[in-house]
């Protein structure tokens, strides 16, 4: 009789629990709509993005989504290609209002901060977004000071102004660690674990993972994070100094296929770049100087464009007049960027005569010094 009573009470308690929520609502208003475009929910996976859903903005400026959460995690809510905000999709209904399109006569890429009215998980997303928003404003201010200093005759001012960006980065790191430490019990803290990359962050990272495991060791986003981290670590090890560089083969402008193995027996400087990349174009004159110095010393150069447009790539090649092999990676370089684990360009590596990695992320003086110390 006692066992039956216990089972009956357990059944009542279970039936009174709220069901797991697999659909959330996202509503809001756009102050200045641009109805050429829709509101979209985007899922990002590395360099890939998938539109999960899209809706029109109504005549009164409002919009509404009913989002089925098939996978808990971070998504992007895009406001008609003018603004966007990242949110945590799990069990919180959200209200997100946007300013919308830029109504100024002179449009500057500096969108206002977007706040999410949600719950505890999305409050973390708000804190992270505000952190990056303020950092962006600080970087703009630091850049303005650097420009003013560059116009002066004061070397001391120039030197001090040059520290501005580093100060901004240090401030961003400190605020990021603060959020990580004090909100470690929120599921959405998983979204920022990738930001804790320094060796000094490891104790904090381990603390967060233990906190989340104590709540739910089988929480799928946590398991996904661990799996992704393991894969990234394995890939990093495959790209370590002394390892053979992954082989690729891409076409020249004339359609001739060039394979990385074609350069075996010589040192090889590989420059991943694009026509639209200002820093890439600024690096090219330096590459041309090095090419003239080393072209007769068993050193080859290879430029790999990640341009989407073949015409833009061809135009840039004509303008830059580079006298070494030029090839274009398909798909805007998404696959090769994944393979070589880089997100910013120019990304320059040096390979030895056996195709093994000698140096990575080489630019300017670091490339010059690496060639001087490697090529005898």
Foldseek 3Di string as FASTA:
>chain_A
DVVVVVVVVVVVVVVPDDDFDQKAKEKEFAQDADQVFWWFKWDDDQPDIDTPDTDTQDPRRMDMDTDGHPDWAWIKTDRRPADIAIFTDGHKHKYKYYPYHDPDPDDDPQGDQTQIDIDLLRVLSSLLSVLVSVLVVQVVVLVVQCVVQVPDPDPVSNVVSVCSNVVSVVSSVVSLLVSLQPSLLHPRSLVCLVVQPDPVSVVSSVVSLVNPCVVPVVPPSSVVSVVVVVVVVVLVVCQDFFHFADKDWFAALVGDIDIPLVLAQAKEKEWEEELPDPVSLVQLVVVQVVCVVCVPQRYAYEYEYLDADSVSVVVSCVVSVDDHHYGYDYPSCSVVCVNNVDDDDRKIFMAGNRRGTHDTRDTDPSVVVSCVVPRD
